[in-house]
Amino acid sequence: MSHIVTVQDAVTAFADFMEPTDAELDAIEQEMPVILADVDLLDAQIATLDRTPTELDVRRIRRARRRALAARVALINAANETLPGGAA
């Protein structure tokens, strides 16, 4: 005879204590410009997957790449400013 038991991990997989902390949400908020810039870059690249990129597509990808890099630089600079002593 086999017994029916519940799987405790499956029952508690979405418990309240597994929500993101305020610090994690703040980190996501700080990284949001980088995330959005990466999404724009991916959108520009995906649009040209099934065809030859036009000059307009090339410029769109170039602009999106520059925005993604600028967002990363801004995030790194903001992180360096918060370090003690002002140096990385």
C-alpha atoms as a PDB file:
ATOM      1  CA  MET A   1       0.000   0.000   0.000  1.00  0.00           C
ATOM      2  CA  SER A   2       1.420   3.401  -0.933  1.00  0.00           C
ATOM      3  CA  HIS A   3       0.780   6.427   1.220  1.00  0.00           C
ATOM      4  CA  ILE A   4      -0.202   9.805  -0.121  1.00  0.00           C
ATOM      5  CA  VAL A   5       1.926  12.587   1.323  1.00  0.00           C
ATOM      6  CA  THR A   6       2.290  16.254   0.494  1.00  0.00           C
ATOM      7  CA  VAL A   7       5.512  17.675  -0.757  1.00  0.00           C
ATOM      8  CA  GLN A   8       6.422  20.410   1.699  1.00  0.00           C
ATOM      9  CA  ASP A   9       8.706  22.286  -0.726  1.00  0.00           C
ATOM     10  CA  ALA A  10       5.940  22.586  -3.292  1.00  0.00           C
ATOM     11  CA  VAL A  11       3.495  23.863  -0.690  1.00  0.00           C
ATOM     12  CA  THR A  12       5.843  26.512   0.721  1.00  0.00           C
ATOM     13  CA  ALA A  13       7.545  27.484  -2.540  1.00  0.00           C
ATOM     14  CA  PHE A  14       5.691  30.786  -2.657  1.00  0.00           C
ATOM     15  CA  ALA A  15       5.686  31.706   0.994  1.00  0.00           C
ATOM     16  CA  ASP A  16       5.787  35.346   2.090  1.00  0.00           C
ATOM     17  CA  PHE A  17       9.388  35.141   3.280  1.00  0.00           C
ATOM     18  CA  MET A  18      10.551  34.479  -0.285  1.00  0.00           C
ATOM     19  CA  GLU A  19       9.554  37.943  -1.538  1.00  0.00           C
ATOM     20  CA  PRO A  20      12.369  40.288  -2.589  1.00  0.00           C
ATOM     21  CA  THR A  21      13.737  42.496   0.144  1.00  0.00           C
ATOM     22  CA  ASP A  22      13.677  46.281   0.008  1.00  0.00           C
ATOM     23  CA  ALA A  23      17.405  46.278  -0.761  1.00  0.00           C
ATOM     24  CA  GLU A  24      16.885  43.920  -3.706  1.00  0.00           C
ATOM     25  CA  LEU A  25      14.044  46.066  -5.043  1.00  0.00           C
ATOM     26  CA  ASP A  26      16.237  49.178  -4.709  1.00  0.00           C
ATOM     27  CA  ALA A  27      19.022  47.445  -6.643  1.00  0.00           C
ATOM     28  CA  ILE A  28      16.586  46.534  -9.416  1.00  0.00           C
ATOM     29  CA  GLU A  29      15.340  50.121  -9.504  1.00  0.00           C
ATOM     30  CA  GLN A  30      18.914  51.411  -9.863  1.00  0.00           C
ATOM     31  CA  GLU A  31      19.605  48.964 -12.697  1.00  0.00           C
ATOM     32  CA  MET A  32      16.333  49.698 -14.517  1.00  0.00           C
ATOM     33  CA  PRO A  33      17.865  52.205 -17.025  1.00  0.00           C
ATOM     34  CA  VAL A  34      20.404  49.550 -18.052  1.00  0.00           C
ATOM     35  CA  ILE A  35      17.688  46.911 -18.364  1.00  0.00           C
ATOM     36  CA  LEU A  36      15.485  49.165 -20.509  1.00  0.00           C
ATOM     37  CA  ALA A  37      18.418  50.170 -22.716  1.00  0.00           C
ATOM     38  CA  ASP A  38      19.293  46.499 -23.242  1.00  0.00           C
ATOM     39  CA  VAL A  39      15.679  45.764 -24.175  1.00  0.00           C
ATOM     40  CA  ASP A  40      15.768  48.564 -26.763  1.00  0.00           C
ATOM     41  CA  LEU A  41      19.004  47.172 -28.189  1.00  0.00           C
ATOM     42  CA  LEU A  42      17.534  43.675 -28.404  1.00  0.00           C
ATOM     43  CA  ASP A  43      14.418  45.034 -30.096  1.00  0.00           C
ATOM     44  CA  ALA A  44      16.556  46.758 -32.723  1.00  0.00           C
ATOM     45  CA  GLN A  45      18.613  43.622 -33.299  1.00  0.00           C
ATOM     46  CA  ILE A  46      15.597  41.299 -33.437  1.00  0.00           C
ATOM     47  CA  ALA A  47      13.946  43.512 -36.035  1.00  0.00           C
ATOM     48  CA  THR A  48      16.796  42.758 -38.441  1.00  0.00           C
ATOM     49  CA  LEU A  49      17.114  39.017 -37.888  1.00  0.00           C
ATOM     50  CA  ASP A  50      15.085  37.946 -40.915  1.00  0.00           C
ATOM     51  CA  ARG A  51      16.182  40.625 -43.379  1.00  0.00           C
ATOM     52  CA  THR A  52      19.173  42.610 -44.471  1.00  0.00           C
ATOM     53  CA  PRO A  53      19.492  45.689 -42.248  1.00  0.00           C
ATOM     54  CA  THR A  54      18.823  48.985 -43.956  1.00  0.00           C
ATOM     55  CA  GLU A  55      20.791  52.144 -43.196  1.00  0.00           C
ATOM     56  CA  LEU A  56      17.997  53.166 -40.819  1.00  0.00           C
ATOM     57  CA  ASP A  57      18.260  49.808 -39.012  1.00  0.00           C
ATOM     58  CA  VAL A  58      22.020  50.204 -38.684  1.00  0.00           C
ATOM     59  CA  ARG A  59      21.593  53.672 -37.173  1.00  0.00           C
ATOM     60  CA  ARG A  60      18.884  52.417 -34.803  1.00  0.00           C
ATOM     61  CA  ILE A  61      21.126  49.585 -33.581  1.00  0.00           C
ATOM     62  CA  ARG A  62      24.081  51.954 -33.211  1.00  0.00           C
ATOM     63  CA  ARG A  63      22.016  54.440 -31.171  1.00  0.00           C
ATOM     64  CA  ALA A  64      20.598  51.655 -28.993  1.00  0.00           C
ATOM     65  CA  ARG A  65      24.091  50.261 -28.388  1.00  0.00           C
ATOM     66  CA  ARG A  66      25.356  53.714 -27.378  1.00  0.00           C
ATOM     67  CA  ARG A  67      22.426  54.188 -24.983  1.00  0.00           C
ATOM     68  CA  ALA A  68      23.062  50.763 -23.436  1.00  0.00           C
ATOM     69  CA  LEU A  69      26.740  51.552 -22.930  1.00  0.00           C
ATOM     70  CA  ALA A  70      25.951  55.019 -21.533  1.00  0.00           C
ATOM     71  CA  ALA A  71      23.464  53.495 -19.081  1.00  0.00           C
ATOM     72  CA  ARG A  72      26.106  51.011 -17.909  1.00  0.00           C
ATOM     73  CA  VAL A  73      28.683  53.782 -17.479  1.00  0.00           C
ATOM     74  CA  ALA A  74      26.188  55.860 -15.486  1.00  0.00           C
ATOM     75  CA  LEU A  75      25.414  52.874 -13.238  1.00  0.00           C
ATOM     76  CA  ILE A  76      29.103  52.175 -12.633  1.00  0.00           C
ATOM     77  CA  ASN A  77      29.823  55.840 -11.919  1.00  0.00           C
ATOM     78  CA  ALA A  78      26.918  55.994  -9.470  1.00  0.00           C
ATOM     79  CA  ALA A  79      28.207  52.867  -7.726  1.00  0.00           C
ATOM     80  CA  ASN A  80      31.731  54.321  -7.505  1.00  0.00           C
ATOM     81  CA  GLU A  81      30.419  57.510  -5.922  1.00  0.00           C
ATOM     82  CA  THR A  82      28.826  55.531  -3.100  1.00  0.00           C
ATOM     83  CA  LEU A  83      32.016  53.666  -2.214  1.00  0.00           C
ATOM     84  CA  PRO A  84      33.997  54.960   0.766  1.00  0.00           C
ATOM     85  CA  GLY A  85      36.888  57.123  -0.356  1.00  0.00           C
ATOM     86  CA  GLY A  86      35.332  57.669  -3.776  1.00  0.00           C
ATOM     87  CA  ALA A  87      37.473  55.031  -5.468  1.00  0.00           C
ATOM     88  CA  ALA A  88      36.643  51.583  -6.761  1.00  0.00           C
END
